[in-house]
């Protein structure tokens, strides 16, 4: 993980510890539809890509925006509102709830429940996603109350139930964009991914991940752990989700922005082709 701006780099984790709690976690919970193993790594994107092997899919570029209050009230409740512009598959907006305790994961029936397994901790999430036409996000960002113009009816109902009455969900702060490059390999049943994130302040995050079926997650974790070790990839001692790192840094940057900067200047023009991220 390469993060500029004062984040202390800790000694990497003992790789034998990676996802060691997964068997106990899975045996203690009820329904889970998908499992994703994740780890922030120390090092560059090129090194992390070695886990993908030779059959790597086409790189996908994204611009990611988050919506929250200035004090991250939604994030503190485990609620994420995210919009993405992708170079291949267009645009989408997602309302997600994430919590470390599955019994406190408040979401409607019918939503898939996913277990996100970081090296030393786990969290459960469920989400409702809406696909958007090209250009929808860019148009919404320059309008007042952009969330109102992006979310569908069921998403708004979900967000209102999660946020509570004290948060004005129509008047959320726009945070971003984060530039993302994503690469994947493997089959749909067990897919390996590498993502590189570049925040507006130049901070960079590199993550390796593996998606698998819950019934195969323990064996998948062992294989993924061996793969990371075999390619000499160092797992960062300080682990968190990409979302948490991003929103905390983005809101700090917003607070430090001078008062005479227009709100629209926090957005990024997305017209035309998406510019590639330069990694080094």
Foldseek 3Di string as FASTA:
>chain_A
DFFDDDDDFDAFDDLVLFCPCVVVVVVPDDDAFKEKEKFWFPDFQVLVCVLQPDDKDDKKKKWKKWWAALVRLCVVLQWTWMKMAIQPQGIKIKIKGKAQDVVPADDDPPWHKYWYGYGNGIMIMTMDMDGDHHPQQVVLLVDAQSVVSHDDPVSVVRCPVSNDDVDDNSHTAMFDTKMKIKMWHDDPAKIKIWMWIATPVGTIIIMIMIMHGSVCVVVSSVVVSVSCVVSVITGTPDDDDPVVVRVVVRSVVVVPDDPPDDSSVNDDDDPDGDDDDDID
